[in-house]
């Protein structure tokens, strides 16, 4: 699943097959892994206020 941002960057959420783990990838290259989709999207949408991991 991916979404465009107002700045033209891409936000991606990748699922790890065989698990409940999701990896959010910000347009700046930062990544975060979690099991809760809401947590991943909140982190992605907090840019630039999120950390790199």
PDB file of N, CA and C in Angstrom:
ATOM      1  N   UNK A   1       0.859  -1.173   0.000  1.00  0.00           N
ATOM      2  CA  UNK A   1       0.000   0.000   0.000  1.00  0.00           C
ATOM      3  C   UNK A   1       0.896   1.224   0.000  1.00  0.00           C
ATOM      4  N   UNK A   2       0.551   2.206  -0.789  1.00  0.00           N
ATOM      5  CA  UNK A   2       1.345   3.431  -0.796  1.00  0.00           C
ATOM      6  C   UNK A   2       0.423   4.625  -0.964  1.00  0.00           C
ATOM      7  N   UNK A   3       0.930   5.781  -0.633  1.00  0.00           N
ATOM      8  CA  UNK A   3       0.157   7.014  -0.762  1.00  0.00           C
ATOM      9  C   UNK A   3       1.095   8.146  -1.121  1.00  0.00           C
ATOM     10  N   UNK A   4       0.624   9.076  -1.904  1.00  0.00           N
ATOM     11  CA  UNK A   4       1.416  10.259  -2.220  1.00  0.00           C
ATOM     12  C   UNK A   4       1.290  11.267  -1.101  1.00  0.00           C
ATOM     13  N   UNK A   5       2.245  12.164  -0.996  1.00  0.00           N
ATOM     14  CA  UNK A   5       2.183  13.217   0.004  1.00  0.00           C
ATOM     15  C   UNK A   5       2.105  14.556  -0.710  1.00  0.00           C
ATOM     16  N   UNK A   6       1.765  15.581   0.015  1.00  0.00           N
ATOM     17  CA  UNK A   6       1.636  16.903  -0.579  1.00  0.00           C
ATOM     18  C   UNK A   6       2.947  17.356  -1.222  1.00  0.00           C
ATOM     19  N   UNK A   7       4.072  16.901  -0.684  1.00  0.00           N
ATOM     20  CA  UNK A   7       5.377  17.281  -1.219  1.00  0.00           C
ATOM     21  C   UNK A   7       5.806  16.443  -2.406  1.00  0.00           C
ATOM     22  N   UNK A   8       4.977  15.505  -2.830  1.00  0.00           N
ATOM     23  CA  UNK A   8       5.289  14.700  -3.990  1.00  0.00           C
ATOM     24  C   UNK A   8       6.052  13.424  -3.676  1.00  0.00           C
ATOM     25  N   UNK A   9       6.421  13.189  -2.396  1.00  0.00           N
ATOM     26  CA  UNK A   9       7.123  11.971  -2.022  1.00  0.00           C
ATOM     27  C   UNK A   9       6.160  10.803  -1.877  1.00  0.00           C
ATOM     28  N   UNK A  10       6.711   9.635  -1.718  1.00  0.00           N
ATOM     29  CA  UNK A  10       5.888   8.453  -1.546  1.00  0.00           C
ATOM     30  C   UNK A  10       6.064   7.885  -0.153  1.00  0.00           C
ATOM     31  N   UNK A  11       4.965   7.399   0.396  1.00  0.00           N
ATOM     32  CA  UNK A  11       4.970   6.674   1.651  1.00  0.00           C
ATOM     33  C   UNK A  11       4.565   5.250   1.320  1.00  0.00           C
ATOM     34  N   UNK A  12       5.280   4.268   1.882  1.00  0.00           N
ATOM     35  CA  UNK A  12       4.963   2.874   1.587  1.00  0.00           C
ATOM     36  C   UNK A  12       4.829   2.086   2.872  1.00  0.00           C
ATOM     37  N   UNK A  13       3.939   1.093   2.815  1.00  0.00           N
ATOM     38  CA  UNK A  13       3.829   0.114   3.887  1.00  0.00           C
ATOM     39  C   UNK A  13       3.981  -1.247   3.235  1.00  0.00           C
ATOM     40  N   UNK A  14       4.982  -1.998   3.681  1.00  0.00           N
ATOM     41  CA  UNK A  14       5.226  -3.331   3.141  1.00  0.00           C
ATOM     42  C   UNK A  14       4.926  -4.369   4.205  1.00  0.00           C
ATOM     43  N   UNK A  15       4.257  -5.430   3.814  1.00  0.00           N
ATOM     44  CA  UNK A  15       3.919  -6.537   4.701  1.00  0.00           C
ATOM     45  C   UNK A  15       4.975  -7.617   4.557  1.00  0.00           C
ATOM     46  N   UNK A  16       5.381  -8.205   5.672  1.00  0.00           N
ATOM     47  CA  UNK A  16       6.326  -9.321   5.657  1.00  0.00           C
ATOM     48  C   UNK A  16       5.518 -10.615   5.630  1.00  0.00           C
ATOM     49  N   UNK A  17       5.491 -11.331   4.509  1.00  0.00           N
ATOM     50  CA  UNK A  17       4.704 -12.560   4.395  1.00  0.00           C
ATOM     51  C   UNK A  17       5.023 -13.555   5.514  1.00  0.00           C
ATOM     52  N   UNK A  18       3.985 -14.194   6.008  1.00  0.00           N
ATOM     53  CA  UNK A  18       4.142 -15.181   7.066  1.00  0.00           C
ATOM     54  C   UNK A  18       4.210 -14.580   8.456  1.00  0.00           C
ATOM     55  N   UNK A  19       3.972 -13.283   8.565  1.00  0.00           N
ATOM     56  CA  UNK A  19       4.029 -12.619   9.866  1.00  0.00           C
ATOM     57  C   UNK A  19       2.973 -11.510   9.915  1.00  0.00           C
ATOM     58  N   UNK A  20       2.895 -10.869  11.050  1.00  0.00           N
ATOM     59  CA  UNK A  20       2.007  -9.714  11.218  1.00  0.00           C
ATOM     60  C   UNK A  20       2.799  -8.414  11.149  1.00  0.00           C
ATOM     61  N   UNK A  21       4.039  -8.473  10.719  1.00  0.00           N
ATOM     62  CA  UNK A  21       4.916  -7.305  10.716  1.00  0.00           C
ATOM     63  C   UNK A  21       4.741  -6.467   9.459  1.00  0.00           C
ATOM     64  N   UNK A  22       4.687  -5.168   9.664  1.00  0.00           N
ATOM     65  CA  UNK A  22       4.607  -4.188   8.585  1.00  0.00           C
ATOM     66  C   UNK A  22       5.810  -3.266   8.685  1.00  0.00           C
ATOM     67  N   UNK A  23       6.336  -2.875   7.544  1.00  0.00           N
ATOM     68  CA  UNK A  23       7.440  -1.915   7.524  1.00  0.00           C
ATOM     69  C   UNK A  23       6.973  -0.674   6.796  1.00  0.00           C
ATOM     70  N   UNK A  24       7.012   0.451   7.494  1.00  0.00           N
ATOM     71  CA  UNK A  24       6.692   1.736   6.889  1.00  0.00           C
ATOM     72  C   UNK A  24       7.966   2.345   6.346  1.00  0.00           C
ATOM     73  N   UNK A  25       7.893   2.853   5.119  1.00  0.00           N
ATOM     74  CA  UNK A  25       9.051   3.473   4.476  1.00  0.00           C
ATOM     75  C   UNK A  25       8.645   4.879   4.055  1.00  0.00           C
ATOM     76  N   UNK A  26       9.304   5.863   4.638  1.00  0.00           N
ATOM     77  CA  UNK A  26       9.008   7.267   4.358  1.00  0.00           C
ATOM     78  C   UNK A  26       9.714   7.713   3.083  1.00  0.00           C
ATOM     79  N   UNK A  27       9.226   8.773   2.479  1.00  0.00           N
ATOM     80  CA  UNK A  27       9.862   9.324   1.282  1.00  0.00           C
ATOM     81  C   UNK A  27      11.286   9.792   1.555  1.00  0.00           C
ATOM     82  N   UNK A  28      11.638  10.028   2.826  1.00  0.00           N
ATOM     83  CA  UNK A  28      12.996  10.452   3.168  1.00  0.00           C
ATOM     84  C   UNK A  28      13.940   9.268   3.346  1.00  0.00           C
ATOM     85  N   UNK A  29      13.399   8.042   3.275  1.00  0.00           N
ATOM     86  CA  UNK A  29      14.219   6.847   3.413  1.00  0.00           C
ATOM     87  C   UNK A  29      14.176   6.215   4.790  1.00  0.00           C
ATOM     88  N   UNK A  30      13.581   6.888   5.766  1.00  0.00           N
ATOM     89  CA  UNK A  30      13.469   6.320   7.112  1.00  0.00           C
ATOM     90  C   UNK A  30      12.517   5.126   7.083  1.00  0.00           C
ATOM     91  N   UNK A  31      12.782   4.140   7.951  1.00  0.00           N
ATOM     92  CA  UNK A  31      11.970   2.927   8.024  1.00  0.00           C
ATOM     93  C   UNK A  31      11.587   2.642   9.465  1.00  0.00           C
ATOM     94  N   UNK A  32      10.424   2.018   9.634  1.00  0.00           N
ATOM     95  CA  UNK A  32       9.980   1.587  10.959  1.00  0.00           C
ATOM     96  C   UNK A  32       9.156   0.333  10.790  1.00  0.00           C
ATOM     97  N   UNK A  33       9.330  -0.632  11.686  1.00  0.00           N
ATOM     98  CA  UNK A  33       8.603  -1.887  11.631  1.00  0.00           C
ATOM     99  C   UNK A  33       7.734  -2.019  12.874  1.00  0.00           C
ATOM    100  N   UNK A  34       6.492  -2.481  12.671  1.00  0.00           N
ATOM    101  CA  UNK A  34       5.553  -2.695  13.766  1.00  0.00           C
ATOM    102  C   UNK A  34       4.469  -3.651  13.292  1.00  0.00           C
ATOM    103  N   UNK A  35       3.627  -4.106  14.217  1.00  0.00           N
ATOM    104  CA  UNK A  35       2.516  -4.981  13.862  1.00  0.00           C
ATOM    105  C   UNK A  35       1.211  -4.212  13.702  1.00  0.00           C
ATOM    106  N   UNK A  36       1.147  -3.002  14.209  1.00  0.00           N
ATOM    107  CA  UNK A  36      -0.084  -2.207  14.189  1.00  0.00           C
ATOM    108  C   UNK A  36      -0.083  -1.238  13.008  1.00  0.00           C
ATOM    109  N   UNK A  37      -1.015  -1.416  12.047  1.00  0.00           N
ATOM    110  CA  UNK A  37      -1.056  -0.515  10.892  1.00  0.00           C
ATOM    111  C   UNK A  37      -1.253   0.952  11.284  1.00  0.00           C
ATOM    112  N   UNK A  38      -2.058   1.208  12.316  1.00  0.00           N
ATOM    113  CA  UNK A  38      -2.290   2.591  12.743  1.00  0.00           C
ATOM    114  C   UNK A  38      -0.995   3.220  13.249  1.00  0.00           C
ATOM    115  N   UNK A  39      -0.172   2.436  13.941  1.00  0.00           N
ATOM    116  CA  UNK A  39       1.116   2.941  14.434  1.00  0.00           C
ATOM    117  C   UNK A  39       2.034   3.305  13.269  1.00  0.00           C
ATOM    118  N   UNK A  40       2.080   2.451  12.261  1.00  0.00           N
ATOM    119  CA  UNK A  40       2.925   2.709  11.091  1.00  0.00           C
ATOM    120  C   UNK A  40       2.479   3.979  10.377  1.00  0.00           C
ATOM    121  N   UNK A  41       1.172   4.117  10.125  1.00  0.00           N
ATOM    122  CA  UNK A  41       0.688   5.301   9.408  1.00  0.00           C
ATOM    123  C   UNK A  41       0.863   6.574  10.222  1.00  0.00           C
ATOM    124  N   UNK A  42       0.650   6.513  11.532  1.00  0.00           N
ATOM    125  CA  UNK A  42       0.863   7.702  12.370  1.00  0.00           C
ATOM    126  C   UNK A  42       2.323   8.132  12.298  1.00  0.00           C
ATOM    127  N   UNK A  43       3.234   7.152  12.326  1.00  0.00           N
ATOM    128  CA  UNK A  43       4.657   7.461  12.228  1.00  0.00           C
ATOM    129  C   UNK A  43       4.989   8.074  10.867  1.00  0.00           C
ATOM    130  N   UNK A  44       4.492   7.458   9.791  1.00  0.00           N
ATOM    131  CA  UNK A  44       4.769   7.986   8.450  1.00  0.00           C
ATOM    132  C   UNK A  44       4.249   9.406   8.273  1.00  0.00           C
ATOM    133  N   UNK A  45       3.051   9.666   8.752  1.00  0.00           N
ATOM    134  CA  UNK A  45       2.432  10.974   8.554  1.00  0.00           C
ATOM    135  C   UNK A  45       2.974  12.056   9.464  1.00  0.00           C
ATOM    136  N   UNK A  46       3.826  11.673  10.433  1.00  0.00           N
ATOM    137  CA  UNK A  46       4.409  12.663  11.344  1.00  0.00           C
ATOM    138  C   UNK A  46       5.662  13.318  10.766  1.00  0.00           C
ATOM    139  N   UNK A  47       6.028  12.992   9.539  1.00  0.00           N
ATOM    140  CA  UNK A  47       7.229  13.550   8.908  1.00  0.00           C
ATOM    141  C   UNK A  47       7.169  15.072   8.871  1.00  0.00           C
ATOM    142  N   UNK A  48       8.183  15.787   9.202  1.00  0.00           N
ATOM    143  CA  UNK A  48       9.542  15.338   9.486  1.00  0.00           C
ATOM    144  C   UNK A  48       9.795  15.068  10.964  1.00  0.00           C
ATOM    145  N   UNK A  49       8.744  14.952  11.771  1.00  0.00           N
ATOM    146  CA  UNK A  49       8.930  14.788  13.212  1.00  0.00           C
ATOM    147  C   UNK A  49       9.276  13.386  13.658  1.00  0.00           C
ATOM    148  N   UNK A  50       9.387  12.435  12.754  1.00  0.00           N
ATOM    149  CA  UNK A  50       9.729  11.081  13.199  1.00  0.00           C
ATOM    150  C   UNK A  50      11.241  10.859  13.188  1.00  0.00           C
ATOM    151  N   UNK A  51      11.630   9.848  13.941  1.00  0.00           N
ATOM    152  CA  UNK A  51      13.051   9.494  13.959  1.00  0.00           C
ATOM    153  C   UNK A  51      13.337   8.514  12.820  1.00  0.00           C
ATOM    154  N   UNK A  52      14.565   8.171  12.632  1.00  0.00           N
ATOM    155  CA  UNK A  52      14.966   7.292  11.524  1.00  0.00           C
ATOM    156  C   UNK A  52      14.805   5.818  11.856  1.00  0.00           C
ATOM    157  N   UNK A  53      14.184   5.456  12.951  1.00  0.00           N
ATOM    158  CA  UNK A  53      14.067   4.038  13.230  1.00  0.00           C
ATOM    159  C   UNK A  53      13.181   3.802  14.356  1.00  0.00           C
TER     160      UNK A  53
END
